[in-house]
Amino acid sequence: MTDSSNRMAPQSIDRRRLLTLLAASPLVAACQGTFEGPERGPIAALFLGHINDGDFDEQGYLGLQRVTRELGIPFRMVEGVGIDRTAVLTALREIASSAATMITVHGSGASEAVQRAAWEFPRKRFTLIQGDLLRPNLAIYRVRDEQSAWLAGAAAAMLSTSGVLGHVSTRDR
């Protein structure tokens, strides 16, 4: 009897997985197609700086290019707006009046203007990279530099032969 119970253990685990998948499949099927997201585009992007900055804005621009290349979603872009609230809000109003289904703003300096635009255009979807506050039609993505810096430091410590590490940051705190 011991031999047959040992042989059955792997099968019972596989059976449990199969039964779980079969039980969950109607729930998964019921969820398909219920989210009507902005995937069909177009996406509009507003950059406070210039996309050839070799840093933050350029990485955002490259991400948008990848969205177009891999998902076929077109995007329209406005760059170099600066951090003046009036200029940002004017640009956002123009973009929000377009056919864009999602408006992405790249930079925390636009936070107040994006909040206002999201309130003025409740049927548009907004995303703010490095934002603080949410609205029903405004999502934020906050890049936490300290987390990636910690990981880089941990990797450097593991690779260091001298035991000496240093860190340089461009952010003023």
Protein backbone atom coordinates (compact mmCIF):
# COMPACT_ATOMS: atom_id res chain seq x y z
CA MET A 1 0.00 0.00 0.00
CA THR A 2 2.87 2.34 0.63
CA ASP A 3 4.10 1.93 -2.93
CA SER A 4 0.74 2.81 -4.49
CA SER A 5 0.27 5.90 -2.28
CA ASN A 6 3.73 7.16 -3.26
CA ARG A 7 2.95 6.64 -6.92
CA MET A 8 -0.36 8.48 -6.56
CA ALA A 9 1.08 11.61 -4.87
CA PRO A 10 2.47 13.21 -8.06
CA GLN A 11 -0.71 12.37 -9.94
CA SER A 12 -2.92 13.88 -7.24
CA ILE A 13 -0.95 17.14 -7.38
CA ASP A 14 -1.37 17.22 -11.16
CA ARG A 15 -5.04 16.43 -10.75
CA ARG A 16 -5.43 19.27 -8.26
CA ARG A 17 -3.78 21.68 -10.68
CA LEU A 18 -5.96 20.48 -13.51
CA LEU A 19 -9.13 20.74 -11.43
CA THR A 20 -8.13 24.22 -10.25
CA LEU A 21 -7.52 25.34 -13.83
CA LEU A 22 -10.80 23.86 -15.00
CA ALA A 23 -12.69 25.48 -12.13
CA ALA A 24 -11.08 28.86 -12.78
CA SER A 25 -11.47 28.83 -16.56
CA PRO A 26 -15.10 30.10 -16.58
CA LEU A 27 -14.02 33.01 -14.37
CA VAL A 28 -11.13 33.86 -16.66
CA ALA A 29 -13.36 33.56 -19.72
CA ALA A 30 -15.96 35.81 -18.11
CA CYS A 31 -13.33 38.52 -17.57
CA GLN A 32 -12.12 38.57 -21.15
CA GLY A 33 -13.29 41.53 -23.14
CA THR A 34 -14.75 43.41 -20.17
CA PHE A 35 -11.95 45.99 -20.01
CA GLU A 36 -12.19 48.59 -22.67
CA GLY A 37 -8.79 50.15 -22.40
CA PRO A 38 -6.96 52.65 -24.53
CA GLU A 39 -5.12 49.89 -26.40
CA ARG A 40 -6.75 50.90 -29.64
CA GLY A 41 -5.16 54.32 -29.38
CA PRO A 42 -4.03 56.75 -30.38
CA ILE A 43 -1.91 57.79 -27.42
CA ALA A 44 -0.73 61.37 -26.93
CA ALA A 45 2.42 62.07 -24.98
CA LEU A 46 3.59 65.33 -23.47
CA PHE A 47 7.23 65.70 -22.51
CA LEU A 48 8.33 68.62 -20.38
CA GLY A 49 11.84 68.33 -21.77
CA HIS A 50 13.24 67.16 -25.08
CA ILE A 51 13.27 63.55 -26.23
CA ASN A 52 16.96 63.68 -27.17
CA ASP A 53 18.10 64.47 -23.61
CA GLY A 54 19.91 61.13 -23.25
CA ASP A 55 18.02 60.53 -20.02
CA PHE A 56 14.47 60.48 -18.60
CA ASP A 57 12.51 61.94 -21.51
CA GLU A 58 14.42 59.94 -24.11
CA GLN A 59 13.66 56.71 -22.28
CA GLY A 60 9.96 57.59 -22.25
CA TYR A 61 10.08 58.33 -25.95
CA LEU A 62 11.79 55.02 -26.68
CA GLY A 63 9.07 53.28 -24.68
CA LEU A 64 6.38 54.92 -26.82
CA GLN A 65 8.18 53.84 -29.96
CA ARG A 66 8.17 50.29 -28.63
CA VAL A 67 4.41 50.48 -27.98
CA THR A 68 3.90 51.50 -31.59
CA ARG A 69 6.29 48.87 -32.93
CA GLU A 70 5.05 45.93 -30.84
CA LEU A 71 1.38 46.75 -30.32
CA GLY A 72 0.64 48.89 -33.36
CA ILE A 73 -0.76 51.75 -31.28
CA PRO A 74 -0.03 55.13 -32.85
CA PHE A 75 1.08 58.06 -30.75
CA ARG A 76 1.32 61.79 -31.09
CA MET A 77 3.95 63.70 -29.17
CA VAL A 78 4.56 67.20 -27.86
CA GLU A 79 7.99 67.92 -26.38
CA GLY A 80 9.88 70.78 -24.78
CA VAL A 81 6.85 72.33 -23.06
CA GLY A 82 8.77 73.20 -19.89
CA ILE A 83 7.37 73.32 -16.37
CA ASP A 84 5.31 76.51 -16.61
CA ARG A 85 1.83 75.50 -15.40
CA THR A 86 0.03 77.65 -17.98
CA ALA A 87 2.07 76.28 -20.90
CA VAL A 88 1.57 72.70 -19.74
CA LEU A 89 -2.17 73.18 -19.21
CA THR A 90 -2.56 74.83 -22.64
CA ALA A 91 -0.76 71.91 -24.30
CA LEU A 92 -2.83 69.38 -22.33
CA ARG A 93 -6.09 71.05 -23.32
CA GLU A 94 -5.09 70.91 -26.97
CA ILE A 95 -4.11 67.25 -26.70
CA ALA A 96 -7.25 66.35 -24.73
CA SER A 97 -9.38 67.91 -27.48
CA SER A 98 -7.83 65.50 -30.01
CA ALA A 99 -8.79 61.89 -30.75
CA ALA A 100 -6.25 60.54 -28.24
CA THR A 101 -7.72 57.91 -25.95
CA MET A 102 -4.90 58.15 -23.44
CA ILE A 103 -2.68 61.10 -22.57
CA THR A 104 0.67 60.39 -20.98
CA VAL A 105 2.62 63.18 -19.32
CA HIS A 106 6.25 62.59 -18.61
CA GLY A 107 7.48 64.46 -15.52
CA SER A 108 6.39 65.47 -12.03
CA GLY A 109 6.72 69.18 -12.86
CA ALA A 110 3.36 68.91 -14.64
CA SER A 111 1.48 67.39 -11.72
CA GLU A 112 -0.78 70.35 -10.94
CA ALA A 113 -1.63 70.99 -14.60
CA VAL A 114 -2.40 67.31 -15.22
CA GLN A 115 -4.71 67.26 -12.20
CA ARG A 116 -6.59 70.21 -13.65
CA ALA A 117 -6.76 68.75 -17.18
CA ALA A 118 -8.01 65.41 -15.84
CA TRP A 119 -10.76 67.28 -13.99
CA GLU A 120 -11.68 69.31 -17.11
CA PHE A 121 -11.72 66.24 -19.39
CA PRO A 122 -13.29 63.45 -17.31
CA ARG A 123 -13.81 61.17 -20.36
CA LYS A 124 -10.10 61.15 -21.25
CA ARG A 125 -7.58 58.87 -19.57
CA PHE A 126 -4.43 60.47 -18.23
CA THR A 127 -1.20 58.92 -17.01
CA LEU A 128 1.46 60.90 -15.17
CA ILE A 129 4.96 59.53 -14.87
CA GLN A 130 6.35 60.62 -11.49
CA GLY A 131 2.99 61.82 -10.18
CA ASP A 132 1.52 62.04 -6.72
CA LEU A 133 -2.26 62.21 -6.79
CA LEU A 134 -4.83 59.95 -8.42
CA ARG A 135 -8.17 60.80 -9.94
CA PRO A 136 -10.75 58.43 -11.44
CA ASN A 137 -9.29 59.15 -14.89
CA LEU A 138 -5.67 59.76 -13.82
CA ALA A 139 -3.17 57.00 -13.10
CA ILE A 140 0.34 57.60 -11.88
CA TYR A 141 3.54 55.67 -12.26
CA ARG A 142 6.14 56.63 -9.70
CA VAL A 143 9.72 55.66 -10.41
CA ARG A 144 11.42 55.14 -7.09
CA ASP A 145 15.06 55.91 -7.79
CA GLU A 146 16.16 54.74 -4.37
CA GLN A 147 15.00 51.19 -5.09
CA SER A 148 16.99 50.82 -8.30
CA ALA A 149 19.95 52.58 -6.66
CA TRP A 150 19.85 50.09 -3.79
CA LEU A 151 19.80 47.16 -6.23
CA ALA A 152 22.71 48.64 -8.18
CA GLY A 153 24.62 49.10 -4.93
CA ALA A 154 23.91 45.54 -3.83
CA ALA A 155 25.11 44.19 -7.19
CA ALA A 156 28.23 46.36 -7.03
CA ALA A 157 28.97 45.17 -3.49
CA MET A 158 28.74 41.55 -4.59
CA LEU A 159 31.09 42.19 -7.51
CA SER A 160 33.56 44.46 -5.70
CA THR A 161 37.01 43.07 -5.08
CA SER A 162 38.14 46.11 -3.07
CA GLY A 163 35.09 46.35 -0.79
CA VAL A 164 34.78 50.07 -1.61
CA LEU A 165 31.60 51.48 -3.17
CA GLY A 166 30.44 54.96 -4.11
CA HIS A 167 27.19 56.54 -5.31
CA VAL A 168 26.58 59.72 -7.26
CA SER A 169 23.09 61.18 -7.63
CA THR A 170 21.82 64.01 -9.81
CA ARG A 171 18.72 64.65 -7.72
CA ASP A 172 18.58 67.53 -5.27
CA ARG A 173 16.71 66.70 -2.13
